[in-house]
Amino acid sequence: MYGSPVELVVYHQWLASRLTEGFGVDPDRLHVLPLALDAHRRTSPRPVDGTVLFFGSLRRNKGLDVLLAALNILDREDVRCVIAGAADDATYQRLRAAVASSSSEIRLELGHVTDERKWELFDAASVVVLPYTAFESQSGVLADAYAARRPVVVTDVGALGDAVRQDGTGVVVTPRDPRALADGLREVLSGPSARYRDALDAAAARQSRDVVGRRLRDVYDAAVARRVASDP
């Protein structure tokens, strides 16, 4: 596909650079558009009760073991964690055992999460954590956090680190480092609740469906124009 004469849409400049430098893709064929989100959904004030939310597929590269270790290092009675998402039964068993032996307050919501429940979880969270250990893409969970106006703590993998640094929407930490993750969570949870609000509002506006939709229409127009120009 990379060698075929088609337009390619990627979700961040980090990914575009990977394609041009690693796969020799013509940069003229690349279009960088963020993941579209509902920037106008009703959001609730950020809770101050110290709830850390991990949301999404419970794959090995998501860094759940690092998160559990970080929570033990954090060791704060006013902090609790919710882990919500789906995986296979073996992963569920390992996760339940790890949580049972943890000194932290952790609640599991394992299995499919409905859209309605997803937004309840995001609205109840003080911070969204993405402790991924390996990642070569951009995250839909990050877009969900922006839509809910929740600050994030992310590891510096894939497009996550660059996006959060550029957007100013949270803290970026070294991957596979529980102490760094604990420090990042402490920084966000200890700061004023409105600290990231303006940055989150701005990021959500840039990624609104209206804005991204118009830019995607421009990509389609460019693809049609290129095809017409190449026809004999």
Protein backbone atom coordinates (compact mmCIF):
# COMPACT_ATOMS: atom_id res chain seq x y z
CA MET A 1 0.00 0.00 0.00
CA TYR A 2 2.81 2.45 0.85
CA GLY A 3 4.15 2.15 -2.68
CA SER A 4 0.80 2.61 -4.40
CA PRO A 5 -0.31 6.01 -5.76
CA VAL A 6 -2.91 6.79 -3.09
CA GLU A 7 -3.39 9.56 -0.54
CA LEU A 8 -2.62 8.56 3.04
CA VAL A 9 -4.17 10.10 6.14
CA VAL A 10 -2.34 9.78 9.47
CA TYR A 11 -3.30 11.06 12.90
CA HIS A 12 -0.12 12.93 13.86
CA GLN A 13 3.06 14.34 12.34
CA TRP A 14 5.06 11.73 14.28
CA LEU A 15 3.36 9.03 12.20
CA ALA A 16 3.93 10.94 8.96
CA SER A 17 7.62 11.17 9.78
CA ARG A 18 7.76 7.44 10.43
CA LEU A 19 6.30 6.76 6.98
CA THR A 20 8.60 9.12 5.12
CA GLU A 21 11.79 8.17 6.97
CA GLY A 22 11.13 4.47 7.52
CA PHE A 23 9.14 3.51 4.43
CA GLY A 24 10.06 6.12 1.84
CA VAL A 25 6.50 7.38 1.41
CA ASP A 26 6.22 10.55 -0.69
CA PRO A 27 5.36 13.35 1.79
CA ASP A 28 3.11 14.96 -0.83
CA ARG A 29 0.77 11.97 -0.45
CA LEU A 30 0.57 12.30 3.34
CA HIS A 31 -2.10 14.28 5.14
CA VAL A 32 -1.97 14.81 8.90
CA LEU A 33 -5.39 15.02 10.52
CA PRO A 34 -6.13 14.43 14.22
CA LEU A 35 -8.69 11.93 15.43
CA ALA A 36 -12.10 13.59 15.29
CA LEU A 37 -14.07 13.93 18.50
CA ASP A 38 -17.30 15.42 19.80
CA ALA A 39 -16.01 18.71 21.14
CA HIS A 40 -19.51 19.83 22.12
CA ARG A 41 -20.54 16.95 24.38
CA ARG A 42 -21.66 18.00 27.82
CA THR A 43 -18.73 17.75 30.21
CA SER A 44 -18.78 17.71 33.98
CA PRO A 45 -16.37 19.54 36.32
CA ARG A 46 -13.20 17.61 36.98
CA PRO A 47 -13.54 15.61 40.23
CA VAL A 48 -11.05 16.26 42.99
CA ASP A 49 -11.31 12.81 44.58
CA GLY A 50 -8.15 11.46 42.92
CA THR A 51 -9.65 8.88 40.56
CA VAL A 52 -7.17 7.55 37.98
CA LEU A 53 -8.78 5.99 34.91
CA PHE A 54 -7.19 3.40 32.64
CA PHE A 55 -9.53 2.68 29.73
CA GLY A 56 -9.24 0.49 26.63
CA SER A 57 -8.15 -2.91 25.40
CA LEU A 58 -6.08 -4.71 28.04
CA ARG A 59 -3.19 -5.72 25.81
CA ARG A 60 0.34 -6.45 27.02
CA ASN A 61 1.73 -3.26 25.47
CA LYS A 62 -0.64 -1.12 27.54
CA GLY A 63 1.64 -1.19 30.59
CA LEU A 64 -0.82 -2.32 33.23
CA ASP A 65 1.93 -3.96 35.29
CA VAL A 66 3.79 -0.62 35.26
CA LEU A 67 0.62 1.17 36.36
CA LEU A 68 0.04 -1.23 39.27
CA ALA A 69 3.64 -0.76 40.42
CA ALA A 70 3.29 3.02 40.13
CA LEU A 71 0.13 3.02 42.24
CA ASN A 72 1.96 1.13 44.99
CA ILE A 73 4.76 3.72 44.85
CA LEU A 74 2.25 6.56 44.91
CA ASP A 75 0.68 5.00 48.04
CA ARG A 76 -1.92 7.72 48.68
CA GLU A 77 -5.17 6.98 50.47
CA ASP A 78 -6.94 9.71 48.50
CA VAL A 79 -6.11 8.06 45.14
CA ARG A 80 -8.06 5.22 43.60
CA CYS A 81 -7.82 3.61 40.17
CA VAL A 82 -10.42 2.26 37.78
CA ILE A 83 -9.27 -0.17 35.10
CA ALA A 84 -11.93 -0.74 32.44
CA GLY A 85 -11.64 -2.74 29.25
CA ALA A 86 -11.75 -6.09 27.53
CA ALA A 87 -9.24 -8.90 27.04
CA ASP A 88 -9.10 -12.69 27.12
CA ASP A 89 -9.85 -14.80 30.21
CA ALA A 90 -6.16 -15.43 30.94
CA THR A 91 -5.53 -11.69 31.10
CA TYR A 92 -8.51 -11.22 33.38
CA GLN A 93 -7.14 -13.87 35.76
CA ARG A 94 -3.68 -12.31 35.84
CA LEU A 95 -5.13 -8.86 36.42
CA ARG A 96 -7.45 -9.99 39.23
CA ALA A 97 -4.54 -11.72 40.97
CA ALA A 98 -2.32 -8.64 40.64
CA VAL A 99 -5.03 -6.35 41.98
CA ALA A 100 -5.75 -8.71 44.89
CA SER A 101 -2.12 -8.47 46.00
CA SER A 102 -1.90 -4.69 45.54
CA SER A 103 -2.01 -2.26 48.44
CA SER A 104 -3.81 0.33 46.28
CA GLU A 105 -7.54 0.85 45.88
CA ILE A 106 -8.31 -0.51 42.41
CA ARG A 107 -11.66 -1.30 40.82
CA LEU A 108 -11.91 -3.52 37.76
CA GLU A 109 -14.61 -3.26 35.11
CA LEU A 110 -13.69 -6.12 32.82
CA GLY A 111 -15.37 -6.82 29.50
CA HIS A 112 -17.15 -4.72 26.93
CA VAL A 113 -17.90 -1.16 28.05
CA THR A 114 -20.91 0.54 26.50
CA ASP A 115 -20.58 4.04 25.12
CA GLU A 116 -22.82 5.40 27.86
CA ARG A 117 -20.70 3.74 30.58
CA LYS A 118 -17.51 4.95 28.92
CA TRP A 119 -18.51 8.58 29.33
CA GLU A 120 -19.61 7.95 32.92
CA LEU A 121 -16.12 6.63 33.65
CA PHE A 122 -14.38 9.55 31.97
CA ASP A 123 -16.59 12.10 33.71
CA ALA A 124 -15.82 10.48 37.09
CA ALA A 125 -12.05 10.52 36.50
CA SER A 126 -9.60 13.11 37.78
CA VAL A 127 -6.89 11.99 35.34
CA VAL A 128 -6.65 9.50 32.47
CA VAL A 129 -3.49 7.39 32.34
CA LEU A 130 -1.96 5.80 29.24
CA PRO A 131 1.12 3.90 30.53
CA TYR A 132 1.85 2.15 27.24
CA THR A 133 5.18 0.37 26.88
CA ALA A 134 5.21 0.11 23.07
CA PHE A 135 3.01 1.92 20.56
CA GLU A 136 3.30 2.91 16.91
CA SER A 137 0.13 4.92 16.45
CA GLN A 138 -2.13 7.55 17.98
CA SER A 139 -4.67 6.76 20.69
CA GLY A 140 -8.43 7.00 20.55
CA VAL A 141 -8.39 7.02 24.37
CA LEU A 142 -6.43 10.27 24.24
CA ALA A 143 -9.16 11.79 22.05
CA ASP A 144 -11.79 10.56 24.52
CA ALA A 145 -9.90 12.24 27.37
CA TYR A 146 -9.87 15.49 25.41
CA ALA A 147 -13.59 15.22 24.67
CA ALA A 148 -14.24 14.73 28.41
CA ARG A 149 -11.76 17.56 29.24
CA ARG A 150 -9.65 15.31 31.45
CA PRO A 151 -5.87 15.78 31.81
CA VAL A 152 -3.65 12.84 30.98
CA VAL A 153 -0.44 11.15 32.03
CA VAL A 154 1.09 9.32 29.08
CA THR A 155 4.32 7.53 28.27
CA ASP A 156 6.61 8.79 25.53
CA VAL A 157 5.75 6.18 22.90
CA GLY A 158 4.23 6.51 19.45
CA ALA A 159 2.56 9.85 18.87
CA LEU A 160 1.42 10.12 22.50
CA GLY A 161 4.33 12.07 23.93
CA ASP A 162 4.57 14.57 21.09
CA ALA A 163 0.81 15.16 21.08
CA VAL A 164 0.54 15.84 24.81
CA ARG A 165 3.63 18.06 24.86
CA GLN A 166 2.31 20.08 21.92
CA ASP A 167 -1.23 20.31 23.32
CA GLY A 168 -0.15 21.02 26.91
CA THR A 169 -2.84 18.66 28.22
CA GLY A 170 -0.92 16.65 30.78
CA VAL A 171 2.38 15.02 31.71
CA VAL A 172 4.68 12.85 29.58
CA VAL A 173 6.86 10.24 31.32
CA THR A 174 9.43 7.64 30.39
CA PRO A 175 7.89 4.27 29.45
CA ARG A 176 8.40 1.18 31.64
CA ASP A 177 9.30 3.35 34.63
CA PRO A 178 6.85 2.97 37.55
CA ARG A 179 8.48 5.72 39.60
CA ALA A 180 8.28 8.21 36.72
CA LEU A 181 4.64 7.27 36.20
CA ALA A 182 3.90 7.71 39.91
CA ASP A 183 5.57 11.15 39.83
CA GLY A 184 3.52 12.13 36.78
CA LEU A 185 0.26 11.09 38.44
CA ARG A 186 1.24 12.95 41.60
CA GLU A 187 1.98 16.10 39.59
CA VAL A 188 -1.41 16.14 37.90
CA LEU A 189 -3.42 15.11 40.97
CA SER A 190 -1.70 17.64 43.22
CA GLY A 191 -2.22 20.60 40.90
CA PRO A 192 -5.28 22.86 40.65
CA SER A 193 -8.27 21.21 39.00
CA ALA A 194 -8.50 23.93 36.32
CA ARG A 195 -4.79 23.78 35.44
CA TYR A 196 -5.26 22.08 32.06
CA ARG A 197 -8.75 23.30 31.23
CA ASP A 198 -7.86 25.91 28.60
CA ALA A 199 -5.43 23.55 26.87
CA LEU A 200 -8.02 20.77 26.82
CA ASP A 201 -10.69 23.11 25.43
CA ALA A 202 -8.31 24.23 22.68
CA ALA A 203 -7.26 20.67 21.81
CA ALA A 204 -10.87 19.52 21.67
CA ALA A 205 -11.78 22.42 19.38
CA ARG A 206 -8.93 21.56 16.99
CA GLN A 207 -10.14 17.97 16.86
CA SER A 208 -13.85 18.68 16.60
CA ARG A 209 -15.77 16.73 13.98
CA ASP A 210 -16.61 19.94 12.13
CA VAL A 211 -12.99 21.03 11.83
CA VAL A 212 -11.59 17.61 10.98
CA GLY A 213 -14.45 16.92 8.59
CA ARG A 214 -13.70 20.04 6.55
CA ARG A 215 -10.02 19.15 6.41
CA LEU A 216 -10.85 15.59 5.33
CA ARG A 217 -13.02 16.95 2.52
CA ASP A 218 -9.97 18.90 1.33
CA VAL A 219 -8.01 15.62 1.25
CA TYR A 220 -10.67 14.00 -0.91
CA ASP A 221 -10.67 16.99 -3.25
CA ALA A 222 -6.87 16.79 -3.54
CA ALA A 223 -7.05 13.05 -4.28
CA VAL A 224 -9.61 13.60 -7.04
CA ALA A 225 -7.59 16.46 -8.54
CA ARG A 226 -4.44 14.35 -8.53
CA ARG A 227 -6.25 11.46 -10.22
CA VAL A 228 -7.76 13.74 -12.88
CA ALA A 229 -4.38 15.32 -13.57
CA SER A 230 -2.77 11.87 -14.01
CA ASP A 231 -5.38 10.54 -16.45
CA PRO A 232 -4.28 10.61 -20.11
